[in-house]
């Protein structure tokens, strides 16, 4: 099997790829969620913490406009505001695990859903269900799915968004763990997409599982 590019090589190749900078806290959280002996309750708690970090980084990728406010001391403060209305779209079912983290930092955000079933034999994806805000074409979209393996499911979900009129450059895919093969597939199909991930792993195995990965989310 050909060696896959490293996270640094991928970020140099794709400027719209943002991987959380590794530090002791993030590596500690990654270790806890990847340990096969971690109980379900702890897995949910620590993966939620990483999801929050990914969402915050994703919000950083949104367009901003300048805004000046007056502080309680009567002085001006030069700040910013989000320049675009946003919505979330989760790829059911694993993507739903990221909805609470998004709602925690974006009050009253609309969240749509796309259900795509993957055939275990062929690893091909088929669209089953969509429920999206009617004005989604006017919004920046935070697309949620914690695992990116081959990229087939996410590519189909992005195509659904494009068919609904969402511009490619206004889609930000938020992800917990990605395989290099999935990153390459996404940017080959949609070069103006933005991707935010907490980690890019080594490769996919012959069963298309992310290695070292975390198993099923």
N, C-alpha and C. Protein backbone atom coordinates (compact mmCIF):
# COMPACT_ATOMS: atom_id res chain seq x y z
N UNK A 1 0.85 -1.20 0.00
CA UNK A 1 0.00 0.00 0.00
C UNK A 1 0.88 1.24 0.00
N UNK A 2 0.52 2.21 -0.85
CA UNK A 2 1.31 3.45 -0.95
C UNK A 2 1.24 4.22 0.37
N UNK A 3 2.37 4.79 0.82
CA UNK A 3 2.31 5.62 2.03
C UNK A 3 1.46 6.87 1.79
N UNK A 4 0.67 7.22 2.80
CA UNK A 4 -0.23 8.37 2.67
C UNK A 4 0.49 9.66 3.11
N UNK A 5 0.06 10.81 2.58
CA UNK A 5 0.70 12.07 3.00
C UNK A 5 0.45 12.36 4.47
N UNK A 6 1.37 13.07 5.10
CA UNK A 6 1.24 13.44 6.51
C UNK A 6 0.26 14.61 6.63
N UNK A 7 -0.24 14.88 7.85
CA UNK A 7 -1.10 16.05 8.05
C UNK A 7 -0.45 17.35 7.57
N UNK A 8 0.85 17.52 7.84
CA UNK A 8 1.54 18.75 7.40
C UNK A 8 1.56 18.86 5.88
N UNK A 9 1.83 17.74 5.20
CA UNK A 9 1.86 17.74 3.74
C UNK A 9 0.48 18.06 3.16
N UNK A 10 -0.56 17.51 3.81
CA UNK A 10 -1.92 17.77 3.33
C UNK A 10 -2.30 19.24 3.51
N UNK A 11 -1.88 19.84 4.65
CA UNK A 11 -2.22 21.25 4.89
C UNK A 11 -1.47 22.17 3.94
N UNK A 12 -0.26 21.78 3.55
CA UNK A 12 0.46 22.57 2.55
C UNK A 12 -0.21 22.47 1.18
N UNK A 13 -0.73 21.29 0.87
CA UNK A 13 -1.37 21.05 -0.43
C UNK A 13 -2.74 21.72 -0.50
N UNK A 14 -3.47 21.72 0.64
CA UNK A 14 -4.83 22.26 0.66
C UNK A 14 -4.93 23.38 1.70
N UNK A 15 -4.86 24.63 1.28
CA UNK A 15 -4.88 25.76 2.23
C UNK A 15 -6.18 25.85 3.03
N UNK A 16 -7.28 25.25 2.51
CA UNK A 16 -8.56 25.31 3.22
C UNK A 16 -8.72 24.17 4.23
N UNK A 17 -7.66 23.41 4.45
CA UNK A 17 -7.69 22.34 5.46
C UNK A 17 -7.10 22.87 6.77
N UNK A 18 -7.90 22.81 7.83
CA UNK A 18 -7.47 23.28 9.14
C UNK A 18 -7.49 22.10 10.12
N UNK A 19 -6.31 21.73 10.61
CA UNK A 19 -6.21 20.67 11.61
C UNK A 19 -5.83 21.33 12.94
N UNK A 20 -6.57 20.98 14.00
CA UNK A 20 -6.27 21.58 15.30
C UNK A 20 -4.80 21.36 15.64
N UNK A 21 -4.18 22.42 16.14
CA UNK A 21 -2.77 22.32 16.48
C UNK A 21 -2.59 21.35 17.64
N UNK A 22 -1.75 20.32 17.49
CA UNK A 22 -1.60 19.35 18.59
C UNK A 22 -0.93 20.00 19.80
N UNK A 23 -1.52 19.77 20.96
CA UNK A 23 -0.91 20.20 22.22
C UNK A 23 -1.20 19.11 23.26
N UNK A 24 -0.68 19.27 24.47
CA UNK A 24 -0.83 18.21 25.47
C UNK A 24 -2.29 17.93 25.79
N UNK A 25 -3.12 18.99 25.87
CA UNK A 25 -4.52 18.78 26.20
C UNK A 25 -5.23 17.98 25.11
N UNK A 26 -5.02 18.38 23.85
CA UNK A 26 -5.70 17.68 22.75
C UNK A 26 -5.22 16.24 22.64
N UNK A 27 -3.91 16.01 22.79
CA UNK A 27 -3.39 14.64 22.73
C UNK A 27 -3.94 13.79 23.86
N UNK A 28 -4.12 14.39 25.03
CA UNK A 28 -4.71 13.68 26.17
C UNK A 28 -6.15 13.28 25.85
N UNK A 29 -6.93 14.21 25.29
CA UNK A 29 -8.32 13.91 24.93
C UNK A 29 -8.36 12.84 23.84
N UNK A 30 -7.47 12.94 22.84
CA UNK A 30 -7.42 11.92 21.77
C UNK A 30 -7.10 10.54 22.35
N UNK A 31 -6.17 10.52 23.31
CA UNK A 31 -5.77 9.24 23.92
C UNK A 31 -6.96 8.60 24.64
N UNK A 32 -7.72 9.43 25.37
CA UNK A 32 -8.86 8.91 26.13
C UNK A 32 -9.95 8.36 25.21
N UNK A 33 -10.26 9.05 24.11
CA UNK A 33 -11.35 8.56 23.26
C UNK A 33 -10.92 7.37 22.39
N UNK A 34 -9.61 7.20 22.20
CA UNK A 34 -9.14 6.09 21.35
C UNK A 34 -8.88 4.81 22.16
N UNK A 35 -8.76 4.94 23.47
CA UNK A 35 -8.46 3.78 24.33
C UNK A 35 -9.65 2.83 24.35
N UNK A 36 -9.45 1.60 23.94
CA UNK A 36 -10.56 0.65 23.87
C UNK A 36 -11.15 0.35 25.24
N UNK A 37 -10.42 0.68 26.32
CA UNK A 37 -10.91 0.43 27.68
C UNK A 37 -11.70 1.61 28.27
N UNK A 38 -11.79 2.71 27.52
CA UNK A 38 -12.55 3.87 28.00
C UNK A 38 -14.05 3.52 27.99
N UNK A 39 -14.73 3.81 29.10
CA UNK A 39 -16.16 3.50 29.18
C UNK A 39 -16.95 4.48 28.30
N UNK A 40 -18.20 4.10 27.98
CA UNK A 40 -19.02 4.89 27.06
C UNK A 40 -19.24 6.31 27.59
N UNK A 41 -19.50 6.43 28.89
CA UNK A 41 -19.77 7.75 29.48
C UNK A 41 -18.56 8.68 29.30
N UNK A 42 -17.36 8.15 29.57
CA UNK A 42 -16.15 8.97 29.41
C UNK A 42 -15.87 9.27 27.94
N UNK A 43 -16.14 8.28 27.06
CA UNK A 43 -15.94 8.51 25.63
C UNK A 43 -16.79 9.69 25.16
N UNK A 44 -18.06 9.71 25.57
CA UNK A 44 -18.96 10.80 25.17
C UNK A 44 -18.46 12.13 25.73
N UNK A 45 -18.07 12.13 27.02
CA UNK A 45 -17.64 13.38 27.67
C UNK A 45 -16.40 13.96 26.98
N UNK A 46 -15.39 13.12 26.72
CA UNK A 46 -14.13 13.64 26.16
C UNK A 46 -14.24 13.91 24.66
N UNK A 47 -15.04 13.12 23.94
CA UNK A 47 -15.23 13.43 22.52
C UNK A 47 -16.02 14.72 22.36
N UNK A 48 -16.95 14.99 23.29
CA UNK A 48 -17.68 16.26 23.26
C UNK A 48 -16.74 17.45 23.43
N UNK A 49 -15.73 17.28 24.26
CA UNK A 49 -14.76 18.37 24.44
C UNK A 49 -13.99 18.64 23.16
N UNK A 50 -13.59 17.59 22.45
CA UNK A 50 -12.88 17.80 21.17
C UNK A 50 -13.82 18.41 20.14
N UNK A 51 -15.07 17.94 20.12
CA UNK A 51 -16.05 18.49 19.19
C UNK A 51 -16.20 19.99 19.39
N UNK A 52 -16.24 20.44 20.66
CA UNK A 52 -16.34 21.88 20.94
C UNK A 52 -15.14 22.63 20.36
N UNK A 53 -13.94 22.07 20.49
CA UNK A 53 -12.75 22.72 19.95
C UNK A 53 -12.83 22.82 18.42
N UNK A 54 -13.32 21.77 17.78
CA UNK A 54 -13.45 21.76 16.32
C UNK A 54 -14.47 22.81 15.88
N UNK A 55 -15.59 22.88 16.60
CA UNK A 55 -16.64 23.85 16.24
C UNK A 55 -16.12 25.28 16.38
N UNK A 56 -15.41 25.55 17.47
CA UNK A 56 -14.85 26.90 17.67
C UNK A 56 -13.90 27.26 16.52
N UNK A 57 -13.09 26.30 16.10
CA UNK A 57 -12.16 26.55 14.98
C UNK A 57 -12.95 26.75 13.68
N UNK A 58 -14.02 25.99 13.51
CA UNK A 58 -14.86 26.16 12.33
C UNK A 58 -15.50 27.54 12.27
N UNK A 59 -15.96 28.04 13.41
CA UNK A 59 -16.56 29.38 13.46
C UNK A 59 -15.53 30.44 13.08
N UNK A 60 -14.29 30.16 13.39
CA UNK A 60 -13.19 31.07 13.04
C UNK A 60 -13.02 31.21 11.53
N UNK A 61 -13.51 30.23 10.77
CA UNK A 61 -13.36 30.24 9.32
C UNK A 61 -14.47 31.03 8.63
N UNK A 62 -15.47 31.48 9.39
CA UNK A 62 -16.58 32.22 8.81
C UNK A 62 -16.18 33.65 8.50
N UNK A 63 -16.86 34.29 7.54
CA UNK A 63 -16.56 35.70 7.25
C UNK A 63 -17.00 36.62 8.39
N UNK A 64 -16.21 37.65 8.64
CA UNK A 64 -16.52 38.63 9.69
C UNK A 64 -16.59 40.02 9.07
N UNK A 65 -17.33 40.91 9.72
CA UNK A 65 -17.30 42.32 9.36
C UNK A 65 -16.90 43.13 10.59
N UNK A 66 -16.37 44.34 10.37
CA UNK A 66 -15.93 45.17 11.49
C UNK A 66 -17.13 45.81 12.18
N UNK A 67 -17.02 45.96 13.49
CA UNK A 67 -18.12 46.54 14.27
C UNK A 67 -17.51 47.31 15.45
N UNK A 68 -17.94 48.55 15.62
CA UNK A 68 -17.49 49.35 16.76
C UNK A 68 -18.63 49.48 17.76
N UNK A 69 -18.33 49.20 19.03
CA UNK A 69 -19.33 49.34 20.09
C UNK A 69 -18.80 50.30 21.16
N UNK A 70 -19.73 50.81 21.94
CA UNK A 70 -19.33 51.66 23.07
C UNK A 70 -19.36 50.82 24.34
N UNK A 71 -18.27 50.86 25.10
CA UNK A 71 -18.19 50.07 26.34
C UNK A 71 -18.86 50.83 27.49
N UNK A 72 -19.11 50.16 28.63
CA UNK A 72 -19.72 50.84 29.77
C UNK A 72 -18.89 52.03 30.30
N UNK A 73 -17.61 52.09 29.94
CA UNK A 73 -16.79 53.24 30.37
C UNK A 73 -16.92 54.42 29.42
N UNK A 74 -17.75 54.25 28.35
CA UNK A 74 -17.95 55.35 27.40
C UNK A 74 -16.92 55.41 26.29
N UNK A 75 -16.09 54.38 26.17
CA UNK A 75 -15.06 54.36 25.13
C UNK A 75 -15.45 53.40 24.01
N UNK A 76 -14.90 53.65 22.81
CA UNK A 76 -15.17 52.78 21.67
C UNK A 76 -14.29 51.54 21.73
N UNK A 77 -14.86 50.43 21.28
CA UNK A 77 -14.10 49.20 21.13
C UNK A 77 -14.28 48.72 19.69
N UNK A 78 -13.16 48.55 18.98
CA UNK A 78 -13.19 48.09 17.58
C UNK A 78 -13.23 46.57 17.58
N UNK A 79 -14.36 46.02 17.16
CA UNK A 79 -14.50 44.56 17.16
C UNK A 79 -15.00 44.03 15.84
N UNK A 80 -15.59 42.84 15.88
CA UNK A 80 -16.11 42.20 14.67
C UNK A 80 -17.46 41.56 14.97
N UNK A 81 -18.19 41.26 13.89
CA UNK A 81 -19.44 40.50 13.95
C UNK A 81 -19.40 39.45 12.84
N UNK A 82 -20.12 38.34 13.04
CA UNK A 82 -20.29 37.40 11.94
C UNK A 82 -20.96 38.12 10.79
N UNK A 83 -20.42 37.96 9.58
CA UNK A 83 -20.96 38.67 8.41
C UNK A 83 -21.91 37.79 7.62
N UNK A 84 -22.19 36.59 8.11
CA UNK A 84 -23.03 35.66 7.36
C UNK A 84 -23.94 34.93 8.35
N UNK A 85 -25.20 34.71 7.95
CA UNK A 85 -26.05 33.85 8.77
C UNK A 85 -25.60 32.40 8.53
N UNK A 86 -25.73 31.58 9.56
CA UNK A 86 -25.21 30.21 9.47
C UNK A 86 -26.29 29.20 9.84
N UNK A 87 -26.06 27.96 9.45
CA UNK A 87 -26.86 26.85 9.94
C UNK A 87 -25.96 25.63 10.02
N UNK A 88 -26.40 24.66 10.80
CA UNK A 88 -25.70 23.38 10.88
C UNK A 88 -26.44 22.34 10.06
N UNK A 89 -25.72 21.38 9.54
CA UNK A 89 -26.34 20.21 8.88
C UNK A 89 -25.58 18.99 9.35
N UNK A 90 -26.29 18.07 10.02
CA UNK A 90 -25.62 16.85 10.49
C UNK A 90 -25.88 15.70 9.52
N UNK A 91 -24.83 14.93 9.27
CA UNK A 91 -24.97 13.71 8.48
C UNK A 91 -25.36 12.61 9.47
N UNK A 92 -26.61 12.18 9.38
CA UNK A 92 -27.18 11.22 10.33
C UNK A 92 -26.49 9.86 10.13
N UNK A 93 -26.14 9.10 11.18
CA UNK A 93 -26.51 9.36 12.55
C UNK A 93 -25.35 9.95 13.36
N UNK A 94 -24.13 9.59 12.98
CA UNK A 94 -22.98 10.01 13.80
C UNK A 94 -22.88 11.53 13.91
N UNK A 95 -23.25 12.24 12.85
CA UNK A 95 -23.17 13.70 12.87
C UNK A 95 -24.02 14.34 13.94
N UNK A 96 -25.10 13.63 14.33
CA UNK A 96 -25.99 14.17 15.37
C UNK A 96 -25.27 14.30 16.71
N UNK A 97 -24.20 13.53 16.90
CA UNK A 97 -23.44 13.62 18.15
C UNK A 97 -22.74 14.97 18.29
N UNK A 98 -22.65 15.75 17.19
CA UNK A 98 -21.99 17.05 17.21
C UNK A 98 -22.97 18.21 17.36
N UNK A 99 -24.28 17.90 17.33
CA UNK A 99 -25.29 18.96 17.36
C UNK A 99 -25.30 19.72 18.69
N UNK A 100 -25.17 18.99 19.80
CA UNK A 100 -25.23 19.64 21.12
C UNK A 100 -24.07 20.63 21.28
N UNK A 101 -22.89 20.25 20.79
CA UNK A 101 -21.74 21.14 20.85
C UNK A 101 -21.95 22.40 20.03
N UNK A 102 -22.61 22.26 18.88
CA UNK A 102 -22.89 23.42 18.03
C UNK A 102 -23.92 24.33 18.70
N UNK A 103 -24.96 23.73 19.27
CA UNK A 103 -25.99 24.54 19.94
C UNK A 103 -25.43 25.25 21.17
N UNK A 104 -24.42 24.65 21.79
CA UNK A 104 -23.85 25.24 23.01
C UNK A 104 -23.12 26.54 22.70
N UNK A 105 -22.61 26.69 21.49
CA UNK A 105 -21.86 27.92 21.16
C UNK A 105 -22.61 28.82 20.17
N UNK A 106 -23.66 28.32 19.54
CA UNK A 106 -24.47 29.13 18.61
C UNK A 106 -25.93 29.04 19.02
N UNK A 107 -26.37 30.03 19.79
CA UNK A 107 -27.74 30.02 20.31
C UNK A 107 -28.75 30.04 19.17
N UNK A 108 -29.80 29.24 19.28
CA UNK A 108 -30.93 29.23 18.34
C UNK A 108 -30.54 28.87 16.91
N UNK A 109 -29.41 28.19 16.72
CA UNK A 109 -28.99 27.85 15.36
C UNK A 109 -29.94 26.81 14.75
N UNK A 110 -30.26 26.97 13.47
CA UNK A 110 -31.05 25.97 12.76
C UNK A 110 -30.13 24.81 12.37
N UNK A 111 -30.61 23.59 12.55
CA UNK A 111 -29.81 22.42 12.18
C UNK A 111 -30.63 21.50 11.29
N UNK A 112 -30.15 21.28 10.07
CA UNK A 112 -30.79 20.35 9.15
C UNK A 112 -30.15 18.97 9.25
N UNK A 113 -30.73 18.02 8.50
CA UNK A 113 -30.22 16.65 8.56
C UNK A 113 -30.17 16.05 7.15
N UNK A 114 -29.13 15.25 6.93
CA UNK A 114 -29.02 14.47 5.69
C UNK A 114 -28.71 13.03 6.11
N UNK A 115 -29.50 12.09 5.63
CA UNK A 115 -29.26 10.67 5.95
C UNK A 115 -28.79 9.96 4.69
N UNK A 116 -27.58 9.43 4.77
CA UNK A 116 -27.00 8.68 3.65
C UNK A 116 -26.55 7.33 4.19
N UNK A 117 -27.07 6.27 3.61
CA UNK A 117 -26.74 4.92 4.07
C UNK A 117 -25.59 4.36 3.25
N UNK A 118 -24.62 3.79 3.95
CA UNK A 118 -23.45 3.22 3.26
C UNK A 118 -23.64 1.72 3.14
N UNK A 119 -23.52 1.20 1.94
CA UNK A 119 -23.61 -0.24 1.71
C UNK A 119 -22.33 -0.91 2.21
N UNK A 120 -22.47 -1.81 3.18
CA UNK A 120 -21.28 -2.42 3.80
C UNK A 120 -20.48 -3.25 2.79
N UNK A 121 -21.16 -3.83 1.80
CA UNK A 121 -20.47 -4.68 0.82
C UNK A 121 -19.63 -3.83 -0.15
N UNK A 122 -20.25 -2.79 -0.70
CA UNK A 122 -19.59 -2.01 -1.75
C UNK A 122 -18.92 -0.75 -1.21
N UNK A 123 -19.27 -0.36 0.05
CA UNK A 123 -18.80 0.89 0.66
C UNK A 123 -19.30 2.12 -0.10
N UNK A 124 -20.33 1.93 -0.97
CA UNK A 124 -20.92 3.06 -1.71
C UNK A 124 -22.07 3.66 -0.89
N UNK A 125 -22.31 4.96 -1.08
CA UNK A 125 -23.31 5.67 -0.29
C UNK A 125 -24.54 6.00 -1.12
N UNK A 126 -25.73 5.92 -0.49
CA UNK A 126 -26.98 6.27 -1.17
C UNK A 126 -27.82 7.20 -0.32
N UNK A 127 -28.40 8.24 -0.92
CA UNK A 127 -29.18 9.25 -0.18
C UNK A 127 -30.55 8.69 0.19
N UNK A 128 -30.93 8.83 1.48
CA UNK A 128 -32.22 8.34 1.94
C UNK A 128 -33.17 9.45 2.38
N UNK A 129 -32.64 10.53 2.96
CA UNK A 129 -33.53 11.52 3.58
C UNK A 129 -32.81 12.85 3.74
N UNK A 130 -33.53 13.96 3.50
CA UNK A 130 -32.97 15.28 3.81
C UNK A 130 -34.04 16.14 4.46
N UNK A 131 -33.61 16.96 5.42
CA UNK A 131 -34.48 17.98 5.99
C UNK A 131 -33.60 19.20 6.22
N UNK A 132 -33.76 20.23 5.38
CA UNK A 132 -32.86 21.38 5.40
C UNK A 132 -33.67 22.67 5.52
N UNK A 133 -33.11 23.72 6.16
CA UNK A 133 -33.80 25.00 6.23
C UNK A 133 -34.12 25.51 4.82
N UNK A 134 -35.33 26.06 4.60
CA UNK A 134 -35.71 26.51 3.25
C UNK A 134 -34.80 27.60 2.68
N UNK A 135 -34.19 28.41 3.58
CA UNK A 135 -33.32 29.50 3.11
C UNK A 135 -31.84 29.13 3.17
N UNK A 136 -31.55 27.83 3.08
CA UNK A 136 -30.17 27.37 3.30
C UNK A 136 -29.20 27.95 2.26
N UNK A 137 -29.70 28.30 1.07
CA UNK A 137 -28.80 28.82 0.03
C UNK A 137 -28.25 30.19 0.40
N UNK A 138 -28.87 30.86 1.38
CA UNK A 138 -28.39 32.18 1.83
C UNK A 138 -27.47 32.09 3.04
N UNK A 139 -27.16 30.89 3.48
CA UNK A 139 -26.41 30.71 4.72
C UNK A 139 -25.05 30.07 4.48
N UNK A 140 -24.12 30.33 5.42
CA UNK A 140 -22.92 29.49 5.51
C UNK A 140 -23.32 28.22 6.25
N UNK A 141 -22.82 27.08 5.80
CA UNK A 141 -23.26 25.80 6.35
C UNK A 141 -22.10 25.10 7.06
N UNK A 142 -22.34 24.73 8.32
CA UNK A 142 -21.40 23.90 9.08
C UNK A 142 -21.89 22.46 8.96
N UNK A 143 -21.19 21.66 8.17
CA UNK A 143 -21.57 20.27 7.92
C UNK A 143 -20.88 19.38 8.95
N UNK A 144 -21.65 18.53 9.63
CA UNK A 144 -21.14 17.79 10.79
C UNK A 144 -21.08 16.29 10.53
N UNK A 145 -19.90 15.71 10.70
CA UNK A 145 -19.75 14.25 10.70
C UNK A 145 -18.41 13.93 11.36
N UNK A 146 -18.41 13.17 12.46
CA UNK A 146 -17.16 12.99 13.22
C UNK A 146 -16.09 12.16 12.50
N UNK A 147 -16.49 11.26 11.60
CA UNK A 147 -15.53 10.37 10.97
C UNK A 147 -15.50 10.58 9.45
N UNK A 148 -14.29 10.76 8.90
CA UNK A 148 -14.11 10.86 7.45
C UNK A 148 -13.19 9.73 7.01
N UNK A 149 -13.77 8.72 6.37
CA UNK A 149 -12.97 7.57 5.92
C UNK A 149 -12.68 7.72 4.42
N UNK A 150 -13.52 7.12 3.56
CA UNK A 150 -13.30 7.25 2.11
C UNK A 150 -13.76 8.61 1.59
N UNK A 151 -14.69 9.24 2.32
CA UNK A 151 -15.24 10.53 1.89
C UNK A 151 -16.51 10.40 1.07
N UNK A 152 -16.92 9.17 0.73
CA UNK A 152 -18.08 8.97 -0.14
C UNK A 152 -19.36 9.57 0.40
N UNK A 153 -19.63 9.35 1.68
CA UNK A 153 -20.85 9.87 2.30
C UNK A 153 -20.84 11.39 2.33
N UNK A 154 -19.72 11.96 2.72
CA UNK A 154 -19.61 13.43 2.83
C UNK A 154 -19.72 14.08 1.46
N UNK A 155 -19.09 13.48 0.45
CA UNK A 155 -19.18 14.02 -0.91
C UNK A 155 -20.63 14.06 -1.38
N UNK A 156 -21.38 13.01 -1.07
CA UNK A 156 -22.79 12.99 -1.47
C UNK A 156 -23.58 14.06 -0.70
N UNK A 157 -23.28 14.23 0.59
CA UNK A 157 -23.96 15.25 1.38
C UNK A 157 -23.66 16.65 0.85
N UNK A 158 -22.41 16.89 0.49
CA UNK A 158 -22.04 18.21 -0.06
C UNK A 158 -22.77 18.45 -1.37
N UNK A 159 -22.91 17.40 -2.19
CA UNK A 159 -23.63 17.54 -3.46
C UNK A 159 -25.09 17.92 -3.22
N UNK A 160 -25.69 17.37 -2.16
CA UNK A 160 -27.06 17.75 -1.79
C UNK A 160 -27.13 19.24 -1.48
N UNK A 161 -26.14 19.74 -0.73
CA UNK A 161 -26.11 21.17 -0.38
C UNK A 161 -25.93 22.03 -1.63
N UNK A 162 -25.04 21.62 -2.52
CA UNK A 162 -24.83 22.37 -3.76
C UNK A 162 -26.12 22.40 -4.60
N UNK A 163 -26.82 21.26 -4.64
CA UNK A 163 -28.08 21.18 -5.40
C UNK A 163 -29.15 22.10 -4.81
N UNK A 164 -29.03 22.41 -3.50
CA UNK A 164 -29.97 23.33 -2.84
C UNK A 164 -29.51 24.78 -2.95
N UNK A 165 -28.42 25.02 -3.69
CA UNK A 165 -28.00 26.39 -3.95
C UNK A 165 -26.95 26.94 -3.00
N UNK A 166 -26.40 26.10 -2.12
CA UNK A 166 -25.35 26.58 -1.21
C UNK A 166 -24.04 26.67 -2.00
N UNK A 167 -23.38 27.84 -2.03
CA UNK A 167 -22.10 27.93 -2.75
C UNK A 167 -21.04 27.06 -2.06
N UNK A 168 -20.20 26.45 -2.88
CA UNK A 168 -19.17 25.54 -2.35
C UNK A 168 -18.30 26.21 -1.29
N UNK A 169 -17.93 27.48 -1.52
CA UNK A 169 -17.01 28.15 -0.58
C UNK A 169 -17.68 28.52 0.74
N UNK A 170 -19.02 28.32 0.83
CA UNK A 170 -19.72 28.62 2.08
C UNK A 170 -20.02 27.36 2.89
N UNK A 171 -19.40 26.24 2.50
CA UNK A 171 -19.57 24.98 3.25
C UNK A 171 -18.30 24.72 4.05
N UNK A 172 -18.47 24.52 5.36
CA UNK A 172 -17.36 24.18 6.25
C UNK A 172 -17.65 22.81 6.85
N UNK A 173 -16.83 21.83 6.51
CA UNK A 173 -17.03 20.46 7.03
C UNK A 173 -16.27 20.31 8.34
N UNK A 174 -17.00 19.99 9.42
CA UNK A 174 -16.40 19.84 10.75
C UNK A 174 -16.32 18.36 11.10
N UNK A 175 -15.13 17.93 11.53
CA UNK A 175 -14.84 16.51 11.61
C UNK A 175 -13.89 16.23 12.78
N UNK A 176 -14.07 15.07 13.39
CA UNK A 176 -13.22 14.69 14.52
C UNK A 176 -11.94 14.00 14.06
N UNK A 177 -12.10 12.93 13.28
CA UNK A 177 -10.94 12.15 12.83
C UNK A 177 -11.10 11.83 11.34
N UNK A 178 -10.04 12.09 10.57
CA UNK A 178 -10.09 11.89 9.12
C UNK A 178 -8.96 10.97 8.66
N UNK A 179 -9.22 10.28 7.56
CA UNK A 179 -8.16 9.53 6.88
C UNK A 179 -7.63 10.40 5.74
N UNK A 180 -6.33 10.31 5.43
CA UNK A 180 -5.76 11.11 4.32
C UNK A 180 -6.51 10.86 3.01
N UNK A 181 -6.93 9.61 2.79
CA UNK A 181 -7.64 9.28 1.55
C UNK A 181 -8.94 10.08 1.44
N UNK A 182 -9.64 10.25 2.57
CA UNK A 182 -10.89 11.01 2.57
C UNK A 182 -10.66 12.49 2.31
N UNK A 183 -9.58 13.02 2.90
CA UNK A 183 -9.22 14.44 2.67
C UNK A 183 -8.94 14.67 1.19
N UNK A 184 -8.15 13.79 0.59
CA UNK A 184 -7.81 13.92 -0.83
C UNK A 184 -9.07 13.84 -1.69
N UNK A 185 -9.97 12.92 -1.35
CA UNK A 185 -11.20 12.75 -2.14
C UNK A 185 -12.08 14.00 -2.05
N UNK A 186 -12.20 14.57 -0.85
CA UNK A 186 -13.04 15.77 -0.67
C UNK A 186 -12.52 16.94 -1.49
N UNK A 187 -11.22 17.22 -1.37
CA UNK A 187 -10.68 18.40 -2.06
C UNK A 187 -10.56 18.18 -3.57
N UNK A 188 -10.42 16.92 -4.00
CA UNK A 188 -10.44 16.64 -5.44
C UNK A 188 -11.81 16.98 -6.01
N UNK A 189 -12.87 16.67 -5.25
CA UNK A 189 -14.23 16.92 -5.72
C UNK A 189 -14.63 18.38 -5.52
N UNK A 190 -14.21 18.98 -4.39
CA UNK A 190 -14.67 20.33 -4.02
C UNK A 190 -13.50 21.17 -3.52
N UNK A 191 -12.71 21.73 -4.42
CA UNK A 191 -11.49 22.44 -4.01
C UNK A 191 -11.74 23.71 -3.19
N UNK A 192 -12.96 24.28 -3.26
CA UNK A 192 -13.25 25.53 -2.52
C UNK A 192 -13.88 25.26 -1.15
N UNK A 193 -14.07 23.99 -0.82
CA UNK A 193 -14.59 23.58 0.49
C UNK A 193 -13.59 23.94 1.59
N UNK A 194 -14.09 24.17 2.81
CA UNK A 194 -13.22 24.29 3.99
C UNK A 194 -13.43 23.06 4.87
N UNK A 195 -12.35 22.48 5.38
CA UNK A 195 -12.43 21.31 6.26
C UNK A 195 -11.69 21.62 7.55
N UNK A 196 -12.34 21.31 8.68
CA UNK A 196 -11.71 21.45 10.00
C UNK A 196 -11.76 20.09 10.68
N UNK A 197 -10.60 19.59 11.13
CA UNK A 197 -10.54 18.28 11.79
C UNK A 197 -9.64 18.37 13.02
N UNK A 198 -9.89 17.48 13.98
CA UNK A 198 -9.01 17.47 15.16
C UNK A 198 -7.80 16.58 14.94
N UNK A 199 -7.88 15.65 13.96
CA UNK A 199 -6.75 14.74 13.72
C UNK A 199 -6.87 14.08 12.35
N UNK A 200 -5.74 13.95 11.68
CA UNK A 200 -5.69 13.15 10.45
C UNK A 200 -4.84 11.92 10.76
N UNK A 201 -5.47 10.76 10.62
CA UNK A 201 -4.80 9.51 10.98
C UNK A 201 -3.93 8.99 9.84
N UNK A 202 -3.40 7.76 10.01
CA UNK A 202 -2.39 7.25 9.07
C UNK A 202 -2.96 6.87 7.71
N UNK A 203 -4.06 6.07 7.72
CA UNK A 203 -4.56 5.53 6.46
C UNK A 203 -5.87 4.78 6.71
N UNK A 204 -6.43 4.25 5.62
CA UNK A 204 -7.53 3.29 5.71
C UNK A 204 -6.98 1.88 5.54
N UNK A 205 -7.59 0.92 6.23
CA UNK A 205 -7.17 -0.48 6.00
C UNK A 205 -7.99 -1.07 4.85
N UNK A 206 -7.82 -2.36 4.59
CA UNK A 206 -8.49 -2.97 3.44
C UNK A 206 -10.01 -2.99 3.60
N UNK A 207 -10.51 -2.85 4.85
CA UNK A 207 -11.96 -2.79 5.08
C UNK A 207 -12.47 -1.35 5.11
N UNK A 208 -11.60 -0.41 4.76
CA UNK A 208 -11.93 1.03 4.73
C UNK A 208 -12.19 1.60 6.12
N UNK A 209 -11.57 1.01 7.15
CA UNK A 209 -11.61 1.59 8.49
C UNK A 209 -10.40 2.50 8.68
N UNK A 210 -10.61 3.58 9.43
CA UNK A 210 -9.51 4.52 9.70
C UNK A 210 -8.55 3.86 10.70
N UNK A 211 -7.26 3.93 10.40
CA UNK A 211 -6.21 3.37 11.25
C UNK A 211 -5.30 4.49 11.74
N UNK A 212 -4.98 4.62 13.06
CA UNK A 212 -5.43 3.78 14.17
C UNK A 212 -6.90 4.00 14.54
N UNK A 213 -7.47 5.18 14.28
CA UNK A 213 -8.90 5.39 14.42
C UNK A 213 -9.45 5.24 15.82
N UNK A 214 -10.80 5.13 15.88
CA UNK A 214 -11.48 4.90 17.17
C UNK A 214 -12.59 3.87 17.02
N UNK A 215 -12.57 3.10 15.92
CA UNK A 215 -13.68 2.16 15.70
C UNK A 215 -14.91 2.93 15.23
N UNK A 216 -16.08 2.39 15.50
CA UNK A 216 -17.34 3.05 15.11
C UNK A 216 -17.64 4.16 16.12
N UNK A 217 -18.13 5.31 15.60
CA UNK A 217 -18.45 6.42 16.49
C UNK A 217 -19.86 6.23 17.02
